[in-house]
Amino acid sequence: MDTVAWNKSELTVGELSNRSGVAVSALHFYERQGLITSRRTSGNQRRYKRATLRRVALIRIAQRVGIPLAEINRALSCLPDGRTPNQQDWEELSREWQADLDERIRRLQQLRDDFTDCIGCGCLSLRRCALTNMHDELGEHGPGPRRLIEDADPACCG
């Protein structure tokens, strides 16, 4: 892999791709979505500010933990003049996303712990369903897998 000189202020799309580990097609997609920007040379080639590497890293990390691109875009669009996030920005974004991430972790742990013997669907076909949801009492609390969906009433889901 070719390295990009540390003092190079602008990167081609290929250099940004190589350095960030993100496919060129994904970088083009990010640009269409307004997540990153480039300028065009007289030959109509894209040039990205070197600081775009930090934006792409933030996008990749946020996506990796399940934050939707629309939310990432919203967060990045709050930065003045579309600048690249600095340490303080990252700390604020992290705090904003923490409650959502904690809830995702809780749901994933619940899924991990409960999925092997019951998906909470009210099907009454598993032994556990017949014991804990006799007569499909969970059906009175709404459709779907009542034990696992986020809006389920904890009192109904023994």
Protein backbone atom coordinates (compact mmCIF):
# COMPACT_ATOMS: atom_id res chain seq x y z
CA MET A 1 0.00 0.00 0.00
CA ASP A 2 1.32 3.41 -0.94
CA THR A 3 1.48 5.91 1.89
CA VAL A 4 0.38 9.49 1.54
CA ALA A 5 2.92 12.13 2.49
CA TRP A 6 2.03 13.55 5.89
CA ASN A 7 2.41 17.11 4.66
CA LYS A 8 0.18 16.76 1.61
CA SER A 9 -2.77 19.11 2.14
CA GLU A 10 -5.09 17.54 -0.43
CA LEU A 11 -5.75 13.93 -1.36
CA THR A 12 -7.10 12.32 -4.49
CA VAL A 13 -10.06 10.00 -4.07
CA GLY A 14 -7.70 7.03 -4.48
CA GLU A 15 -5.35 8.34 -1.79
CA LEU A 16 -8.26 9.01 0.55
CA SER A 17 -9.56 5.51 -0.13
CA ASN A 18 -6.20 3.88 0.52
CA ARG A 19 -5.51 5.84 3.68
CA SER A 20 -9.02 5.55 5.16
CA GLY A 21 -9.71 1.95 4.15
CA VAL A 22 -13.00 3.01 2.56
CA ALA A 23 -13.82 2.04 -1.02
CA VAL A 24 -13.87 4.80 -3.62
CA SER A 25 -17.53 4.03 -4.31
CA ALA A 26 -18.35 4.54 -0.62
CA LEU A 27 -16.48 7.86 -0.60
CA HIS A 28 -18.52 8.98 -3.62
CA PHE A 29 -21.66 7.89 -1.76
CA TYR A 30 -20.61 9.81 1.37
CA GLU A 31 -20.09 12.85 -0.81
CA ARG A 32 -23.52 12.52 -2.44
CA GLN A 33 -25.02 12.26 1.04
CA GLY A 34 -23.25 15.46 2.14
CA LEU A 35 -21.05 13.71 4.70
CA ILE A 36 -17.79 14.80 3.04
CA THR A 37 -16.93 17.42 0.42
CA SER A 38 -14.32 17.84 -2.25
CA ARG A 39 -13.27 20.47 -4.69
CA ARG A 40 -12.83 19.80 -8.39
CA THR A 41 -9.64 20.47 -10.30
CA SER A 42 -9.66 22.03 -13.76
CA GLY A 43 -9.63 18.44 -15.05
CA ASN A 44 -12.76 17.71 -12.96
CA GLN A 45 -10.89 15.44 -10.52
CA ARG A 46 -11.89 15.37 -6.87
CA ARG A 47 -9.51 16.73 -4.24
CA TYR A 48 -10.22 16.27 -0.56
CA LYS A 49 -8.72 18.24 2.30
CA ARG A 50 -6.48 16.00 4.35
CA ALA A 51 -8.75 16.60 7.35
CA THR A 52 -11.43 14.60 5.50
CA LEU A 53 -9.62 11.52 6.82
CA ARG A 54 -10.89 12.40 10.31
CA ARG A 55 -14.46 12.83 9.05
CA VAL A 56 -14.30 9.48 7.27
CA ALA A 57 -12.90 7.83 10.41
CA LEU A 58 -15.74 9.26 12.48
CA ILE A 59 -18.29 8.05 9.91
CA ARG A 60 -16.79 4.54 9.90
CA ILE A 61 -16.71 4.30 13.69
CA ALA A 62 -20.26 5.61 14.05
CA GLN A 63 -21.53 3.20 11.38
CA ARG A 64 -19.70 0.33 13.03
CA VAL A 65 -21.69 0.81 16.23
CA GLY A 66 -24.94 1.08 14.29
CA ILE A 67 -25.54 4.81 14.11
CA PRO A 68 -27.52 5.51 10.93
CA LEU A 69 -25.94 7.69 8.25
CA ALA A 70 -28.80 10.18 8.58
CA GLU A 71 -27.90 10.70 12.25
CA ILE A 72 -24.19 10.96 11.44
CA ASN A 73 -25.02 13.52 8.77
CA ARG A 74 -27.16 15.51 11.19
CA ALA A 75 -24.35 15.56 13.74
CA LEU A 76 -21.70 16.58 11.21
CA SER A 77 -23.93 19.27 9.71
CA CYS A 78 -24.04 20.98 13.13
CA LEU A 79 -20.32 21.74 12.90
CA PRO A 80 -19.58 25.33 11.87
CA ASP A 81 -18.68 25.73 8.20
CA GLY A 82 -18.74 21.95 7.74
CA ARG A 83 -15.37 21.68 9.44
CA THR A 84 -13.79 18.45 10.50
CA PRO A 85 -14.62 17.31 14.05
CA ASN A 86 -11.98 18.04 16.65
CA GLN A 87 -11.50 16.33 20.03
CA GLN A 88 -14.16 18.47 21.73
CA ASP A 89 -16.63 17.78 18.92
CA TRP A 90 -15.99 14.04 19.20
CA GLU A 91 -16.58 14.16 22.97
CA GLU A 92 -19.89 15.99 22.47
CA LEU A 93 -21.00 13.59 19.74
CA SER A 94 -20.05 10.64 21.92
CA ARG A 95 -22.12 12.01 24.80
CA GLU A 96 -25.09 12.60 22.49
CA TRP A 97 -24.91 9.07 21.12
CA GLN A 98 -24.21 7.35 24.44
CA ALA A 99 -27.83 6.92 25.55
CA ASP A 100 -28.75 5.47 22.15
CA LEU A 101 -25.75 3.14 22.23
CA ASP A 102 -26.57 2.04 25.78
CA GLU A 103 -30.10 1.19 24.66
CA ARG A 104 -28.77 -0.75 21.65
CA ILE A 105 -26.44 -2.68 23.96
CA ARG A 106 -29.34 -3.46 26.31
CA ARG A 107 -31.46 -4.75 23.40
CA LEU A 108 -28.60 -6.82 22.02
CA GLN A 109 -27.93 -8.35 25.43
CA GLN A 110 -31.62 -9.13 25.79
CA LEU A 111 -31.64 -10.73 22.36
CA ARG A 112 -28.51 -12.73 23.17
CA ASP A 113 -29.91 -13.93 26.49
CA ASP A 114 -33.49 -14.66 25.39
CA PHE A 115 -33.28 -15.59 21.73
CA THR A 116 -32.20 -19.19 22.17
CA ASP A 117 -35.40 -20.31 23.84
CA CYS A 118 -38.01 -17.69 23.00
CA ILE A 119 -38.42 -14.80 20.63
CA GLY A 120 -41.50 -13.53 22.43
CA CYS A 121 -43.76 -13.88 19.41
CA GLY A 122 -46.72 -15.37 21.21
CA CYS A 123 -46.72 -18.45 18.99
CA LEU A 124 -47.36 -20.87 21.88
CA SER A 125 -45.40 -23.50 19.98
CA LEU A 126 -42.46 -23.73 22.38
CA ARG A 127 -42.75 -25.18 25.86
CA ARG A 128 -41.65 -21.89 27.39
CA CYS A 129 -44.39 -19.98 25.53
CA ALA A 130 -47.04 -22.27 26.94
CA LEU A 131 -45.67 -21.68 30.44
CA THR A 132 -45.03 -17.94 30.34
CA ASN A 133 -47.64 -16.80 27.84
CA MET A 134 -50.54 -19.12 28.51
CA HIS A 135 -53.61 -18.25 26.44
CA ASP A 136 -51.50 -15.73 24.46
CA GLU A 137 -51.83 -13.04 27.12
CA LEU A 138 -49.01 -11.09 25.50
CA GLY A 139 -51.22 -10.59 22.45
CA GLU A 140 -53.32 -8.19 24.53
CA HIS A 141 -50.32 -5.86 24.70
CA GLY A 142 -49.87 -5.47 20.96
CA PRO A 143 -48.50 -7.27 17.92
CA GLY A 144 -45.10 -8.78 17.40
CA PRO A 145 -42.44 -10.22 19.70
CA ARG A 146 -43.62 -8.50 22.87
CA ARG A 147 -40.72 -9.71 25.03
CA LEU A 148 -38.09 -8.26 22.73
CA ILE A 149 -39.44 -5.13 21.07
CA GLU A 150 -38.51 -1.82 22.59
CA ASP A 151 -42.02 -0.54 23.25
CA ALA A 152 -43.13 -3.67 25.11
CA ASP A 153 -44.55 -3.07 28.56
CA PRO A 154 -42.09 -4.69 31.00
CA ALA A 155 -44.94 -5.59 33.32
CA CYS A 156 -46.53 -7.80 30.67
CA CYS A 157 -43.40 -9.64 29.71
CA GLY A 158 -42.60 -11.65 32.81
